[in-house]
Amino acid sequence: MHISTERLTALLTYALAVVMGWLGKWNLQDIATLLGMVLGIGMFLVSWYYRRKTFLLLKSGKISQREYESANR
C-alpha cells in the first residue's frame, strides 16, 4: 500500500487542525499544567534510563560500586 505525498500531507494537516482545535479551548493555566506533567514524565523516563544504564555497567563489571553510587546520588 503506497500513500502519496498529497494524501500524507493532507492527513497531517487534518490531524494538526484537530489537535489545534482541541487545544484552542484550553486556557493558559491548563496548558501550563499539561506541560508540567509532560516534563515531569519526561524527566522520570530520562532518569530511569540512565540509572538503568549505570546499573548494567555495574553488573557487567565496567564500573565499580563506588562509581555507581556516585552516579546515582
N, C-alpha and C. Protein backbone atom coordinates (compact mmCIF):
# COMPACT_ATOMS: atom_id res chain seq x y z
N MET A 1 0.84 -1.18 0.00
CA MET A 1 0.00 0.00 0.00
C MET A 1 0.88 1.23 0.00
N HIS A 2 0.74 2.03 -1.01
CA HIS A 2 1.55 3.22 -1.17
C HIS A 2 0.69 4.45 -0.89
N ILE A 3 1.16 5.30 -0.01
CA ILE A 3 0.46 6.55 0.32
C ILE A 3 1.18 7.67 -0.41
N SER A 4 0.44 8.43 -1.19
CA SER A 4 1.05 9.52 -1.93
C SER A 4 1.40 10.67 -0.99
N THR A 5 2.26 11.52 -1.45
CA THR A 5 2.70 12.67 -0.65
C THR A 5 1.52 13.59 -0.34
N GLU A 6 0.62 13.75 -1.33
CA GLU A 6 -0.53 14.62 -1.13
C GLU A 6 -1.45 14.08 -0.03
N ARG A 7 -1.67 12.78 -0.03
CA ARG A 7 -2.54 12.18 1.00
C ARG A 7 -1.89 12.28 2.37
N LEU A 8 -0.58 12.07 2.42
CA LEU A 8 0.12 12.15 3.70
C LEU A 8 0.07 13.57 4.26
N THR A 9 0.35 14.56 3.42
CA THR A 9 0.31 15.94 3.92
C THR A 9 -1.10 16.34 4.30
N ALA A 10 -2.11 15.87 3.57
CA ALA A 10 -3.50 16.18 3.93
C ALA A 10 -3.84 15.55 5.28
N LEU A 11 -3.43 14.31 5.49
CA LEU A 11 -3.69 13.65 6.77
C LEU A 11 -3.01 14.38 7.92
N LEU A 12 -1.76 14.77 7.73
CA LEU A 12 -1.05 15.51 8.77
C LEU A 12 -1.70 16.87 9.03
N THR A 13 -2.16 17.53 7.98
CA THR A 13 -2.81 18.83 8.14
C THR A 13 -4.10 18.69 8.93
N TYR A 14 -4.92 17.69 8.59
CA TYR A 14 -6.17 17.47 9.32
C TYR A 14 -5.90 17.09 10.78
N ALA A 15 -4.90 16.24 11.01
CA ALA A 15 -4.58 15.84 12.38
C ALA A 15 -4.12 17.04 13.19
N LEU A 16 -3.27 17.88 12.59
CA LEU A 16 -2.81 19.08 13.28
C LEU A 16 -3.96 20.03 13.55
N ALA A 17 -4.90 20.15 12.61
CA ALA A 17 -6.06 21.02 12.81
C ALA A 17 -6.91 20.53 13.97
N VAL A 18 -7.08 19.22 14.07
CA VAL A 18 -7.87 18.66 15.18
C VAL A 18 -7.18 18.94 16.51
N VAL A 19 -5.87 18.72 16.56
CA VAL A 19 -5.12 18.96 17.80
C VAL A 19 -5.18 20.44 18.18
N MET A 20 -4.98 21.31 17.20
CA MET A 20 -5.02 22.75 17.50
C MET A 20 -6.42 23.19 17.93
N GLY A 21 -7.46 22.61 17.33
CA GLY A 21 -8.82 22.93 17.75
C GLY A 21 -9.09 22.46 19.17
N TRP A 22 -8.56 21.28 19.50
CA TRP A 22 -8.73 20.74 20.85
C TRP A 22 -7.99 21.61 21.87
N LEU A 23 -6.77 22.04 21.52
CA LEU A 23 -6.00 22.89 22.42
C LEU A 23 -6.57 24.31 22.51
N GLY A 24 -7.32 24.72 21.49
CA GLY A 24 -7.87 26.07 21.46
C GLY A 24 -8.85 26.36 22.58
N LYS A 25 -9.48 25.34 23.12
CA LYS A 25 -10.45 25.55 24.20
C LYS A 25 -9.79 25.65 25.57
N TRP A 26 -8.48 25.40 25.64
CA TRP A 26 -7.76 25.43 26.91
C TRP A 26 -7.28 26.83 27.22
N ASN A 27 -7.23 27.16 28.52
CA ASN A 27 -6.65 28.44 28.90
C ASN A 27 -5.16 28.23 29.25
N LEU A 28 -4.49 29.30 29.58
CA LEU A 28 -3.06 29.24 29.83
C LEU A 28 -2.71 28.34 31.01
N GLN A 29 -3.53 28.34 32.03
CA GLN A 29 -3.27 27.50 33.20
C GLN A 29 -3.36 26.01 32.85
N ASP A 30 -4.32 25.64 32.01
CA ASP A 30 -4.46 24.25 31.58
C ASP A 30 -3.23 23.80 30.78
N ILE A 31 -2.78 24.67 29.89
CA ILE A 31 -1.61 24.34 29.06
C ILE A 31 -0.37 24.21 29.94
N ALA A 32 -0.21 25.10 30.91
CA ALA A 32 0.93 25.04 31.82
C ALA A 32 0.90 23.76 32.64
N THR A 33 -0.29 23.35 33.07
CA THR A 33 -0.42 22.09 33.83
C THR A 33 -0.04 20.90 32.97
N LEU A 34 -0.53 20.86 31.75
CA LEU A 34 -0.20 19.77 30.83
C LEU A 34 1.29 19.73 30.54
N LEU A 35 1.87 20.90 30.29
CA LEU A 35 3.31 20.97 30.02
C LEU A 35 4.11 20.49 31.23
N GLY A 36 3.70 20.87 32.42
CA GLY A 36 4.38 20.41 33.64
C GLY A 36 4.31 18.91 33.79
N MET A 37 3.15 18.33 33.49
CA MET A 37 3.03 16.87 33.58
C MET A 37 3.90 16.17 32.55
N VAL A 38 3.92 16.68 31.34
CA VAL A 38 4.75 16.08 30.28
C VAL A 38 6.23 16.17 30.64
N LEU A 39 6.66 17.32 31.13
CA LEU A 39 8.06 17.47 31.53
C LEU A 39 8.41 16.58 32.72
N GLY A 40 7.50 16.43 33.67
CA GLY A 40 7.73 15.55 34.81
C GLY A 40 7.90 14.10 34.37
N ILE A 41 7.03 13.65 33.48
CA ILE A 41 7.13 12.28 32.98
C ILE A 41 8.41 12.11 32.16
N GLY A 42 8.75 13.13 31.38
CA GLY A 42 9.98 13.07 30.59
C GLY A 42 11.21 12.96 31.47
N MET A 43 11.25 13.75 32.54
CA MET A 43 12.40 13.70 33.45
C MET A 43 12.48 12.35 34.16
N PHE A 44 11.32 11.78 34.53
CA PHE A 44 11.30 10.46 35.13
C PHE A 44 11.90 9.42 34.18
N LEU A 45 11.50 9.47 32.91
CA LEU A 45 11.99 8.50 31.94
C LEU A 45 13.48 8.65 31.67
N VAL A 46 13.96 9.88 31.58
CA VAL A 46 15.40 10.10 31.37
C VAL A 46 16.19 9.58 32.57
N SER A 47 15.71 9.87 33.78
CA SER A 47 16.38 9.41 34.99
C SER A 47 16.38 7.88 35.06
N TRP A 48 15.26 7.26 34.75
CA TRP A 48 15.17 5.79 34.75
C TRP A 48 16.14 5.19 33.75
N TYR A 49 16.22 5.79 32.55
CA TYR A 49 17.09 5.26 31.50
C TYR A 49 18.55 5.27 31.95
N TYR A 50 19.01 6.40 32.49
CA TYR A 50 20.42 6.50 32.87
C TYR A 50 20.74 5.69 34.13
N ARG A 51 19.81 5.59 35.06
CA ARG A 51 20.05 4.72 36.21
C ARG A 51 20.15 3.26 35.78
N ARG A 52 19.31 2.88 34.83
CA ARG A 52 19.36 1.51 34.31
C ARG A 52 20.69 1.26 33.59
N LYS A 53 21.15 2.23 32.81
CA LYS A 53 22.43 2.09 32.11
C LYS A 53 23.59 1.95 33.09
N THR A 54 23.58 2.76 34.16
CA THR A 54 24.68 2.64 35.12
C THR A 54 24.60 1.31 35.86
N PHE A 55 23.39 0.81 36.12
CA PHE A 55 23.27 -0.50 36.76
C PHE A 55 23.81 -1.59 35.85
N LEU A 56 23.50 -1.51 34.56
CA LEU A 56 24.00 -2.51 33.62
C LEU A 56 25.53 -2.45 33.51
N LEU A 57 26.10 -1.25 33.60
CA LEU A 57 27.56 -1.12 33.59
C LEU A 57 28.15 -1.74 34.85
N LEU A 58 27.50 -1.53 36.00
CA LEU A 58 27.97 -2.14 37.24
C LEU A 58 27.87 -3.66 37.16
N LYS A 59 26.77 -4.14 36.65
CA LYS A 59 26.54 -5.57 36.55
C LYS A 59 27.56 -6.24 35.62
N SER A 60 27.94 -5.54 34.55
CA SER A 60 28.90 -6.12 33.61
C SER A 60 30.35 -5.94 34.08
N GLY A 61 30.55 -5.19 35.16
CA GLY A 61 31.89 -5.01 35.71
C GLY A 61 32.68 -3.88 35.07
N LYS A 62 32.04 -3.05 34.28
CA LYS A 62 32.75 -1.95 33.61
C LYS A 62 32.96 -0.74 34.51
N ILE A 63 32.17 -0.64 35.59
CA ILE A 63 32.37 0.42 36.57
C ILE A 63 32.36 -0.22 37.96
N SER A 64 32.93 0.51 38.91
CA SER A 64 33.00 -0.01 40.28
C SER A 64 31.74 0.39 41.05
N GLN A 65 31.58 -0.21 42.21
CA GLN A 65 30.43 0.11 43.09
C GLN A 65 30.48 1.58 43.48
N ARG A 66 31.68 2.09 43.73
CA ARG A 66 31.84 3.49 44.11
C ARG A 66 31.39 4.42 42.99
N GLU A 67 31.77 4.11 41.75
CA GLU A 67 31.35 4.93 40.61
C GLU A 67 29.83 4.86 40.41
N TYR A 68 29.29 3.68 40.63
CA TYR A 68 27.83 3.51 40.51
C TYR A 68 27.10 4.36 41.54
N GLU A 69 27.54 4.32 42.78
CA GLU A 69 26.90 5.11 43.83
C GLU A 69 27.07 6.60 43.60
N SER A 70 28.22 6.98 43.07
CA SER A 70 28.46 8.39 42.78
C SER A 70 27.54 8.89 41.67
N ALA A 71 27.28 8.04 40.68
CA ALA A 71 26.41 8.44 39.56
C ALA A 71 24.95 8.49 39.97
N ASN A 72 24.57 7.73 40.99
CA ASN A 72 23.15 7.64 41.37
C ASN A 72 22.82 8.41 42.64
N ARG A 73 23.52 9.45 42.92
CA ARG A 73 23.20 10.28 44.08
C ARG A 73 22.04 11.15 43.82
